[in-house]
C-alpha cells in the first residue's frame, strides 16, 4: 500500500493505492472519508489497482474553497489525479456524493472512464423537497455545528435492523465525523444542491454501469434509481435487500461480490 498526496490548487490531496492491474477509482460520499471502503480493499486489491482518495474537505485532504462546494470542481480534482498517475482509462465507482462526482467526471472527460459505478447514488438532480432538506441542514450546521448534525444524520443512513444490531459500528462512523469542519459540510451540501440532472449522460451509454441499490435506502430511494438502470446499454443492477444507504458496511461480502464481478467482467 502507498499512501500519497498530489498537489491541487496549492494544497495536497491525500490518496491511497492498493493492488495492480486495471485502475479502479473509489469515491467516498458525504460525511465519510476513504476509510469507508476498508472492507472492500482486501478483496478488490487482489484483482485490480485501487485508487482511493480523500475528497477535498474529508479525511486527510484539506477543504478547498471553490472546489469542495462543486461536484464539477471535485470531478476536475479527481481527473487531475488520474492524469498525474497516468493510469489510462479508469473504472470510477462512487458512493452517494461520490457517485455525483463520478457523473461529473463522465460529463467532463468521458474518454477517461472505462466503466461507471453508482453505489447508493443517482444521476438525477435533487428535487425541490431534497433541496429544501439540505438547506435546512445547512442552517442547522451554521447554528449548531457540523458534528451535532452528523451524529444525528449518520445513523439514519443505515437500515433500522442493522443499525440496532451494530450500534458500535455506527458510533465509530459518528466519532470519525468529528473531523469535519462546518465549512466542508456546508460546501458539500451546496454542491449537491447545485448539481444538474445528468440522466441524459446514461442514455445509450456504451461503457458498463453498475447500480447498487439498498431496498431500505432513505437517502437515495430505490424507486428513484430503478428507472435510470434502463438507460445505459450495459447495466449491472443489484438490489441489496434489507439494506440502507451503506452497503459497504451493512453487507460487505455481498458488496464485494458484486463489485469484484463487475470489475473482472469489464477489464479491458
C-alpha atoms as a PDB file:
ATOM      1  CA  UNK A   1       0.000   0.000   0.000  1.00  0.00           C
ATOM      2  CA  UNK A   2       1.171   3.502  -0.825  1.00  0.00           C
ATOM      3  CA  UNK A   3      -0.252   6.499   0.986  1.00  0.00           C
ATOM      4  CA  UNK A   4       0.489   9.563  -1.117  1.00  0.00           C
ATOM      5  CA  UNK A   5      -0.544  13.110  -1.901  1.00  0.00           C
ATOM      6  CA  UNK A   6      -0.755  15.157  -5.061  1.00  0.00           C
ATOM      7  CA  UNK A   7      -0.799  18.911  -5.485  1.00  0.00           C
ATOM      8  CA  UNK A   8      -4.064  20.580  -6.437  1.00  0.00           C
ATOM      9  CA  UNK A   9      -4.925  24.274  -6.027  1.00  0.00           C
ATOM     10  CA  UNK A  10      -1.798  24.845  -3.929  1.00  0.00           C
ATOM     11  CA  UNK A  11      -2.671  22.163  -1.408  1.00  0.00           C
ATOM     12  CA  UNK A  12      -2.162  18.424  -1.018  1.00  0.00           C
ATOM     13  CA  UNK A  13      -4.890  15.864  -1.706  1.00  0.00           C
ATOM     14  CA  UNK A  14      -4.434  12.528   0.044  1.00  0.00           C
ATOM     15  CA  UNK A  15      -4.985   9.175  -1.656  1.00  0.00           C
ATOM     16  CA  UNK A  16      -4.089   5.524  -1.209  1.00  0.00           C
ATOM     17  CA  UNK A  17      -3.169   2.871  -3.781  1.00  0.00           C
ATOM     18  CA  UNK A  18      -3.513  -0.891  -3.423  1.00  0.00           C
ATOM     19  CA  UNK A  19      -3.010  -3.759  -5.865  1.00  0.00           C
ATOM     20  CA  UNK A  20      -2.079  -3.906  -9.539  1.00  0.00           C
ATOM     21  CA  UNK A  21      -3.797  -4.049 -12.911  1.00  0.00           C
ATOM     22  CA  UNK A  22      -6.990  -2.360 -14.042  1.00  0.00           C
ATOM     23  CA  UNK A  23      -7.249   1.030 -12.291  1.00  0.00           C
ATOM     24  CA  UNK A  24     -10.398   1.483 -10.205  1.00  0.00           C
ATOM     25  CA  UNK A  25     -11.127   4.815  -8.516  1.00  0.00           C
ATOM     26  CA  UNK A  26     -13.329   4.545  -5.413  1.00  0.00           C
ATOM     27  CA  UNK A  27     -15.000   7.810  -4.382  1.00  0.00           C
ATOM     28  CA  UNK A  28     -16.464   8.107  -0.901  1.00  0.00           C
ATOM     29  CA  UNK A  29     -19.624  10.007  -0.039  1.00  0.00           C
ATOM     30  CA  UNK A  30     -20.747  12.832   2.227  1.00  0.00           C
ATOM     31  CA  UNK A  31     -19.747  12.591   5.896  1.00  0.00           C
ATOM     32  CA  UNK A  32     -17.198   9.889   5.097  1.00  0.00           C
ATOM     33  CA  UNK A  33     -13.587   9.553   4.024  1.00  0.00           C
ATOM     34  CA  UNK A  34     -11.649   6.912   2.113  1.00  0.00           C
ATOM     35  CA  UNK A  35     -11.832   4.500   5.068  1.00  0.00           C
ATOM     36  CA  UNK A  36     -15.467   3.761   4.193  1.00  0.00           C
ATOM     37  CA  UNK A  37     -14.063   1.265   1.669  1.00  0.00           C
ATOM     38  CA  UNK A  38     -11.764  -0.555   4.099  1.00  0.00           C
ATOM     39  CA  UNK A  39     -13.884  -3.726   3.947  1.00  0.00           C
ATOM     40  CA  UNK A  40     -13.577  -3.712   0.147  1.00  0.00           C
ATOM     41  CA  UNK A  41      -9.813  -3.274  -0.090  1.00  0.00           C
ATOM     42  CA  UNK A  42      -8.600  -6.842   0.624  1.00  0.00           C
ATOM     43  CA  UNK A  43     -10.981  -8.411  -1.897  1.00  0.00           C
ATOM     44  CA  UNK A  44     -10.715  -5.864  -4.685  1.00  0.00           C
ATOM     45  CA  UNK A  45      -6.967  -5.242  -4.442  1.00  0.00           C
ATOM     46  CA  UNK A  46      -6.426  -8.857  -5.459  1.00  0.00           C
ATOM     47  CA  UNK A  47      -7.973  -8.228  -8.890  1.00  0.00           C
ATOM     48  CA  UNK A  48      -7.221  -4.573  -9.729  1.00  0.00           C
ATOM     49  CA  UNK A  49      -5.384  -1.409  -8.754  1.00  0.00           C
ATOM     50  CA  UNK A  50      -7.448   0.580  -6.276  1.00  0.00           C
ATOM     51  CA  UNK A  51      -7.067   4.348  -6.092  1.00  0.00           C
ATOM     52  CA  UNK A  52      -8.906   5.681  -3.042  1.00  0.00           C
ATOM     53  CA  UNK A  53      -8.716   9.429  -2.344  1.00  0.00           C
ATOM     54  CA  UNK A  54      -9.975  11.600   0.456  1.00  0.00           C
ATOM     55  CA  UNK A  55     -12.084  14.225  -1.296  1.00  0.00           C
ATOM     56  CA  UNK A  56     -11.200  17.885  -0.567  1.00  0.00           C
ATOM     57  CA  UNK A  57     -12.507  18.610   2.927  1.00  0.00           C
ATOM     58  CA  UNK A  58     -12.572  14.963   4.053  1.00  0.00           C
ATOM     59  CA  UNK A  59     -10.055  12.751   5.823  1.00  0.00           C
ATOM     60  CA  UNK A  60      -6.501  13.956   5.272  1.00  0.00           C
ATOM     61  CA  UNK A  61      -7.428  16.238   2.351  1.00  0.00           C
ATOM     62  CA  UNK A  62      -7.993  19.884   3.317  1.00  0.00           C
ATOM     63  CA  UNK A  63     -11.065  21.895   2.439  1.00  0.00           C
ATOM     64  CA  UNK A  64     -10.598  23.967  -0.727  1.00  0.00           C
ATOM     65  CA  UNK A  65     -12.845  26.996  -1.160  1.00  0.00           C
ATOM     66  CA  UNK A  66     -14.402  26.966  -4.620  1.00  0.00           C
ATOM     67  CA  UNK A  67     -13.731  23.242  -5.036  1.00  0.00           C
ATOM     68  CA  UNK A  68     -15.408  21.469  -2.130  1.00  0.00           C
ATOM     69  CA  UNK A  69     -18.721  23.179  -2.932  1.00  0.00           C
ATOM     70  CA  UNK A  70     -18.875  21.926  -6.528  1.00  0.00           C
ATOM     71  CA  UNK A  71     -19.326  18.419  -7.898  1.00  0.00           C
ATOM     72  CA  UNK A  72     -17.738  19.623 -11.155  1.00  0.00           C
ATOM     73  CA  UNK A  73     -14.691  21.063  -9.397  1.00  0.00           C
ATOM     74  CA  UNK A  74     -14.170  17.925  -7.324  1.00  0.00           C
ATOM     75  CA  UNK A  75     -14.519  15.910 -10.536  1.00  0.00           C
ATOM     76  CA  UNK A  76     -11.742  18.028 -12.044  1.00  0.00           C
ATOM     77  CA  UNK A  77      -9.628  17.315  -8.965  1.00  0.00           C
ATOM     78  CA  UNK A  78     -10.101  13.573  -9.463  1.00  0.00           C
ATOM     79  CA  UNK A  79      -9.389  13.784 -13.185  1.00  0.00           C
ATOM     80  CA  UNK A  80      -6.158  15.618 -12.404  1.00  0.00           C
ATOM     81  CA  UNK A  81      -5.221  12.814 -10.021  1.00  0.00           C
ATOM     82  CA  UNK A  82      -5.772  10.220 -12.744  1.00  0.00           C
ATOM     83  CA  UNK A  83      -3.788  12.327 -15.204  1.00  0.00           C
ATOM     84  CA  UNK A  84      -0.889  12.590 -12.792  1.00  0.00           C
ATOM     85  CA  UNK A  85      -0.928   8.840 -12.180  1.00  0.00           C
ATOM     86  CA  UNK A  86      -1.074   8.243 -15.961  1.00  0.00           C
ATOM     87  CA  UNK A  87      -3.214   5.137 -15.490  1.00  0.00           C
ATOM     88  CA  UNK A  88      -5.280   5.392 -18.663  1.00  0.00           C
ATOM     89  CA  UNK A  89      -8.972   4.537 -18.752  1.00  0.00           C
ATOM     90  CA  UNK A  90     -10.244   4.026 -15.232  1.00  0.00           C
ATOM     91  CA  UNK A  91     -13.311   2.444 -13.687  1.00  0.00           C
ATOM     92  CA  UNK A  92     -14.910   5.007 -11.381  1.00  0.00           C
ATOM     93  CA  UNK A  93     -17.189   3.741  -8.606  1.00  0.00           C
ATOM     94  CA  UNK A  94     -18.751   6.375  -6.382  1.00  0.00           C
ATOM     95  CA  UNK A  95     -20.759   6.037  -3.207  1.00  0.00           C
ATOM     96  CA  UNK A  96     -23.552   8.589  -2.733  1.00  0.00           C
ATOM     97  CA  UNK A  97     -21.923  12.025  -3.262  1.00  0.00           C
ATOM     98  CA  UNK A  98     -19.005  10.159  -4.806  1.00  0.00           C
ATOM     99  CA  UNK A  99     -21.418   8.948  -7.476  1.00  0.00           C
ATOM    100  CA  UNK A 100     -22.431  12.532  -8.214  1.00  0.00           C
ATOM    101  CA  UNK A 101     -18.748  13.333  -8.718  1.00  0.00           C
ATOM    102  CA  UNK A 102     -18.346  10.261 -10.937  1.00  0.00           C
ATOM    103  CA  UNK A 103     -21.200  11.533 -13.117  1.00  0.00           C
ATOM    104  CA  UNK A 104     -19.489  14.928 -13.358  1.00  0.00           C
ATOM    105  CA  UNK A 105     -16.276  13.156 -14.416  1.00  0.00           C
ATOM    106  CA  UNK A 106     -18.232  11.303 -17.089  1.00  0.00           C
ATOM    107  CA  UNK A 107     -19.556  14.581 -18.451  1.00  0.00           C
ATOM    108  CA  UNK A 108     -16.201  16.362 -18.355  1.00  0.00           C
ATOM    109  CA  UNK A 109     -13.991  13.568 -19.708  1.00  0.00           C
ATOM    110  CA  UNK A 110     -15.945  10.543 -20.976  1.00  0.00           C
ATOM    111  CA  UNK A 111     -12.820   9.204 -22.669  1.00  0.00           C
ATOM    112  CA  UNK A 112     -11.184   8.763 -19.259  1.00  0.00           C
ATOM    113  CA  UNK A 113     -13.751   6.290 -17.898  1.00  0.00           C
ATOM    114  CA  UNK A 114     -13.655   2.554 -18.618  1.00  0.00           C
ATOM    115  CA  UNK A 115     -16.757   1.856 -16.508  1.00  0.00           C
ATOM    116  CA  UNK A 116     -19.026   3.649 -14.038  1.00  0.00           C
ATOM    117  CA  UNK A 117     -20.484   2.610 -10.709  1.00  0.00           C
ATOM    118  CA  UNK A 118     -23.328   4.323  -8.867  1.00  0.00           C
ATOM    119  CA  UNK A 119     -23.227   2.826  -5.377  1.00  0.00           C
ATOM    120  CA  UNK A 120     -26.288   4.017  -3.460  1.00  0.00           C
ATOM    121  CA  UNK A 121     -26.184   7.006  -5.770  1.00  0.00           C
ATOM    122  CA  UNK A 122     -28.033   8.609  -8.659  1.00  0.00           C
ATOM    123  CA  UNK A 123     -27.597  10.508 -11.913  1.00  0.00           C
ATOM    124  CA  UNK A 124     -30.587  12.725 -11.097  1.00  0.00           C
ATOM    125  CA  UNK A 125     -30.534  16.201  -9.612  1.00  0.00           C
ATOM    126  CA  UNK A 126     -32.098  16.919  -6.237  1.00  0.00           C
ATOM    127  CA  UNK A 127     -35.839  17.500  -6.390  1.00  0.00           C
ATOM    128  CA  UNK A 128     -37.238  20.531  -4.567  1.00  0.00           C
ATOM    129  CA  UNK A 129     -38.027  18.526  -1.435  1.00  0.00           C
ATOM    130  CA  UNK A 130     -34.445  17.285  -1.227  1.00  0.00           C
ATOM    131  CA  UNK A 131     -33.028  20.764  -1.836  1.00  0.00           C
ATOM    132  CA  UNK A 132     -35.216  22.134   0.945  1.00  0.00           C
ATOM    133  CA  UNK A 133     -33.998  19.400   3.292  1.00  0.00           C
ATOM    134  CA  UNK A 134     -30.373  20.189   2.502  1.00  0.00           C
ATOM    135  CA  UNK A 135     -30.922  23.924   3.053  1.00  0.00           C
ATOM    136  CA  UNK A 136     -32.403  23.181   6.470  1.00  0.00           C
ATOM    137  CA  UNK A 137     -29.341  21.070   7.239  1.00  0.00           C
ATOM    138  CA  UNK A 138     -27.063  23.955   6.255  1.00  0.00           C
ATOM    139  CA  UNK A 139     -28.945  26.256   8.612  1.00  0.00           C
ATOM    140  CA  UNK A 140     -28.635  23.678  11.404  1.00  0.00           C
ATOM    141  CA  UNK A 141     -24.877  23.342  10.853  1.00  0.00           C
ATOM    142  CA  UNK A 142     -24.457  27.116  10.867  1.00  0.00           C
ATOM    143  CA  UNK A 143     -26.221  27.304  14.223  1.00  0.00           C
ATOM    144  CA  UNK A 144     -25.118  24.101  15.947  1.00  0.00           C
ATOM    145  CA  UNK A 145     -22.004  22.834  14.175  1.00  0.00           C
ATOM    146  CA  UNK A 146     -21.180  20.015  11.778  1.00  0.00           C
ATOM    147  CA  UNK A 147     -20.802  17.228  14.304  1.00  0.00           C
ATOM    148  CA  UNK A 148     -24.090  17.976  16.028  1.00  0.00           C
ATOM    149  CA  UNK A 149     -25.721  17.476  12.636  1.00  0.00           C
ATOM    150  CA  UNK A 150     -23.723  14.430  11.527  1.00  0.00           C
ATOM    151  CA  UNK A 151     -24.204  12.489  14.765  1.00  0.00           C
ATOM    152  CA  UNK A 152     -27.945  12.649  14.083  1.00  0.00           C
ATOM    153  CA  UNK A 153     -27.795  12.175  10.313  1.00  0.00           C
ATOM    154  CA  UNK A 154     -25.348   9.272  10.066  1.00  0.00           C
ATOM    155  CA  UNK A 155     -27.386   6.655  11.996  1.00  0.00           C
ATOM    156  CA  UNK A 156     -30.339   7.281   9.680  1.00  0.00           C
ATOM    157  CA  UNK A 157     -28.265   6.125   6.697  1.00  0.00           C
ATOM    158  CA  UNK A 158     -28.491   2.509   7.880  1.00  0.00           C
ATOM    159  CA  UNK A 159     -31.369   0.075   7.715  1.00  0.00           C
ATOM    160  CA  UNK A 160     -33.077   0.027  11.105  1.00  0.00           C
ATOM    161  CA  UNK A 161     -32.381  -3.616  11.877  1.00  0.00           C
ATOM    162  CA  UNK A 162     -28.688  -3.352  11.053  1.00  0.00           C
ATOM    163  CA  UNK A 163     -28.323  -0.101  12.974  1.00  0.00           C
ATOM    164  CA  UNK A 164     -29.751  -1.640  16.151  1.00  0.00           C
ATOM    165  CA  UNK A 165     -27.596  -4.763  15.859  1.00  0.00           C
ATOM    166  CA  UNK A 166     -24.382  -2.871  15.067  1.00  0.00           C
ATOM    167  CA  UNK A 167     -24.509   0.224  17.241  1.00  0.00           C
ATOM    168  CA  UNK A 168     -20.737   0.174  17.825  1.00  0.00           C
ATOM    169  CA  UNK A 169     -20.014   0.344  14.090  1.00  0.00           C
ATOM    170  CA  UNK A 170     -22.457   3.216  13.678  1.00  0.00           C
ATOM    171  CA  UNK A 171     -20.874   5.036  16.604  1.00  0.00           C
ATOM    172  CA  UNK A 172     -17.412   4.591  15.082  1.00  0.00           C
ATOM    173  CA  UNK A 173     -18.568   6.388  11.947  1.00  0.00           C
ATOM    174  CA  UNK A 174     -20.156   9.118  14.057  1.00  0.00           C
ATOM    175  CA  UNK A 175     -16.900   9.535  16.005  1.00  0.00           C
ATOM    176  CA  UNK A 176     -14.904   9.885  12.778  1.00  0.00           C
ATOM    177  CA  UNK A 177     -17.271  12.646  11.693  1.00  0.00           C
ATOM    178  CA  UNK A 178     -15.910  14.915  14.435  1.00  0.00           C
ATOM    179  CA  UNK A 179     -13.109  15.742  11.985  1.00  0.00           C
ATOM    180  CA  UNK A 180     -15.447  17.538   9.575  1.00  0.00           C
ATOM    181  CA  UNK A 181     -15.454  21.305   9.616  1.00  0.00           C
ATOM    182  CA  UNK A 182     -18.622  23.345   9.343  1.00  0.00           C
ATOM    183  CA  UNK A 183     -17.383  24.852   6.078  1.00  0.00           C
ATOM    184  CA  UNK A 184     -16.796  21.443   4.467  1.00  0.00           C
ATOM    185  CA  UNK A 185     -20.226  20.071   5.390  1.00  0.00           C
ATOM    186  CA  UNK A 186     -21.950  23.236   4.186  1.00  0.00           C
ATOM    187  CA  UNK A 187     -19.915  23.271   0.966  1.00  0.00           C
ATOM    188  CA  UNK A 188     -20.794  19.659   0.158  1.00  0.00           C
ATOM    189  CA  UNK A 189     -24.478  20.380   0.580  1.00  0.00           C
ATOM    190  CA  UNK A 190     -24.205  23.493  -1.575  1.00  0.00           C
ATOM    191  CA  UNK A 191     -22.521  21.440  -4.286  1.00  0.00           C
ATOM    192  CA  UNK A 192     -25.148  18.717  -4.176  1.00  0.00           C
ATOM    193  CA  UNK A 193     -27.987  21.250  -4.334  1.00  0.00           C
ATOM    194  CA  UNK A 194     -26.417  22.926  -7.369  1.00  0.00           C
ATOM    195  CA  UNK A 195     -25.590  19.815  -9.377  1.00  0.00           C
ATOM    196  CA  UNK A 196     -27.583  19.360 -12.605  1.00  0.00           C
ATOM    197  CA  UNK A 197     -29.597  16.372 -13.701  1.00  0.00           C
ATOM    198  CA  UNK A 198     -27.273  14.025 -15.597  1.00  0.00           C
ATOM    199  CA  UNK A 199     -29.678  11.245 -16.570  1.00  0.00           C
ATOM    200  CA  UNK A 200     -29.108  12.117 -20.231  1.00  0.00           C
ATOM    201  CA  UNK A 201     -25.480  11.016 -19.899  1.00  0.00           C
ATOM    202  CA  UNK A 202     -26.660   7.489 -19.144  1.00  0.00           C
ATOM    203  CA  UNK A 203     -28.873   7.216 -22.227  1.00  0.00           C
ATOM    204  CA  UNK A 204     -27.274   4.714 -24.615  1.00  0.00           C
ATOM    205  CA  UNK A 205     -24.008   4.986 -22.683  1.00  0.00           C
ATOM    206  CA  UNK A 206     -21.606   2.431 -24.129  1.00  0.00           C
ATOM    207  CA  UNK A 207     -19.455   1.767 -21.071  1.00  0.00           C
ATOM    208  CA  UNK A 208     -20.832  -0.664 -18.458  1.00  0.00           C
ATOM    209  CA  UNK A 209     -22.619   0.844 -15.472  1.00  0.00           C
ATOM    210  CA  UNK A 210     -23.006  -0.732 -12.027  1.00  0.00           C
ATOM    211  CA  UNK A 211     -26.052   0.187  -9.938  1.00  0.00           C
ATOM    212  CA  UNK A 212     -26.057  -0.907  -6.302  1.00  0.00           C
ATOM    213  CA  UNK A 213     -29.308  -0.060  -4.549  1.00  0.00           C
ATOM    214  CA  UNK A 214     -30.463  -0.555  -0.964  1.00  0.00           C
ATOM    215  CA  UNK A 215     -34.078  -1.624  -0.595  1.00  0.00           C
ATOM    216  CA  UNK A 216     -34.292   0.470   2.598  1.00  0.00           C
ATOM    217  CA  UNK A 217     -32.167   3.384   1.428  1.00  0.00           C
ATOM    218  CA  UNK A 218     -33.903   6.564   2.582  1.00  0.00           C
ATOM    219  CA  UNK A 219     -31.181   8.864   1.227  1.00  0.00           C
ATOM    220  CA  UNK A 220     -31.316   7.593  -2.376  1.00  0.00           C
ATOM    221  CA  UNK A 221     -34.600   5.670  -2.594  1.00  0.00           C
ATOM    222  CA  UNK A 222     -34.775   2.573  -4.766  1.00  0.00           C
ATOM    223  CA  UNK A 223     -37.846   3.754  -6.672  1.00  0.00           C
ATOM    224  CA  UNK A 224     -35.988   6.858  -7.856  1.00  0.00           C
ATOM    225  CA  UNK A 225     -32.936   4.948  -9.087  1.00  0.00           C
ATOM    226  CA  UNK A 226     -34.553   1.976 -10.832  1.00  0.00           C
ATOM    227  CA  UNK A 227     -35.722   3.994 -13.887  1.00  0.00           C
ATOM    228  CA  UNK A 228     -32.105   5.001 -14.506  1.00  0.00           C
ATOM    229  CA  UNK A 229     -30.963   1.406 -14.755  1.00  0.00           C
ATOM    230  CA  UNK A 230     -32.668   1.001 -18.146  1.00  0.00           C
ATOM    231  CA  UNK A 231     -30.764   3.873 -19.779  1.00  0.00           C
ATOM    232  CA  UNK A 232     -27.224   2.503 -20.383  1.00  0.00           C
ATOM    233  CA  UNK A 233     -26.518  -0.176 -22.978  1.00  0.00           C
ATOM    234  CA  UNK A 234     -24.947  -2.432 -20.326  1.00  0.00           C
ATOM    235  CA  UNK A 235     -26.266  -2.242 -16.757  1.00  0.00           C
ATOM    236  CA  UNK A 236     -25.416  -4.373 -13.761  1.00  0.00           C
ATOM    237  CA  UNK A 237     -28.270  -3.905 -11.290  1.00  0.00           C
ATOM    238  CA  UNK A 238     -28.102  -5.221  -7.739  1.00  0.00           C
ATOM    239  CA  UNK A 239     -30.761  -4.572  -5.112  1.00  0.00           C
ATOM    240  CA  UNK A 240     -29.479  -5.243  -1.601  1.00  0.00           C
ATOM    241  CA  UNK A 241     -32.464  -6.445   0.394  1.00  0.00           C
ATOM    242  CA  UNK A 242     -32.935  -5.068   3.923  1.00  0.00           C
ATOM    243  CA  UNK A 243     -30.017  -2.706   3.308  1.00  0.00           C
ATOM    244  CA  UNK A 244     -29.923   1.052   3.741  1.00  0.00           C
ATOM    245  CA  UNK A 245     -27.512   3.554   2.222  1.00  0.00           C
ATOM    246  CA  UNK A 246     -24.304   1.918   3.444  1.00  0.00           C
ATOM    247  CA  UNK A 247     -23.923  -1.433   1.709  1.00  0.00           C
ATOM    248  CA  UNK A 248     -20.132  -1.320   2.064  1.00  0.00           C
ATOM    249  CA  UNK A 249     -20.644  -1.682   5.838  1.00  0.00           C
ATOM    250  CA  UNK A 250     -24.075  -3.297   6.098  1.00  0.00           C
ATOM    251  CA  UNK A 251     -23.394  -6.044   3.532  1.00  0.00           C
ATOM    252  CA  UNK A 252     -19.640  -6.026   2.836  1.00  0.00           C
ATOM    253  CA  UNK A 253     -19.432  -9.569   1.444  1.00  0.00           C
ATOM    254  CA  UNK A 254     -22.342  -9.058  -0.940  1.00  0.00           C
ATOM    255  CA  UNK A 255     -20.989  -5.659  -1.961  1.00  0.00           C
ATOM    256  CA  UNK A 256     -17.566  -7.177  -2.591  1.00  0.00           C
ATOM    257  CA  UNK A 257     -19.078  -9.955  -4.693  1.00  0.00           C
ATOM    258  CA  UNK A 258     -20.942  -7.507  -6.925  1.00  0.00           C
ATOM    259  CA  UNK A 259     -18.034  -5.086  -7.260  1.00  0.00           C
ATOM    260  CA  UNK A 260     -15.480  -7.799  -7.989  1.00  0.00           C
ATOM    261  CA  UNK A 261     -17.679  -9.406 -10.628  1.00  0.00           C
ATOM    262  CA  UNK A 262     -18.285  -6.041 -12.282  1.00  0.00           C
ATOM    263  CA  UNK A 263     -14.558  -5.292 -12.348  1.00  0.00           C
ATOM    264  CA  UNK A 264     -13.391  -8.690 -13.580  1.00  0.00           C
ATOM    265  CA  UNK A 265     -16.029  -8.928 -16.317  1.00  0.00           C
ATOM    266  CA  UNK A 266     -15.147  -5.500 -17.696  1.00  0.00           C
ATOM    267  CA  UNK A 267     -11.363  -5.398 -17.585  1.00  0.00           C
ATOM    268  CA  UNK A 268     -10.248  -4.162 -20.990  1.00  0.00           C
END
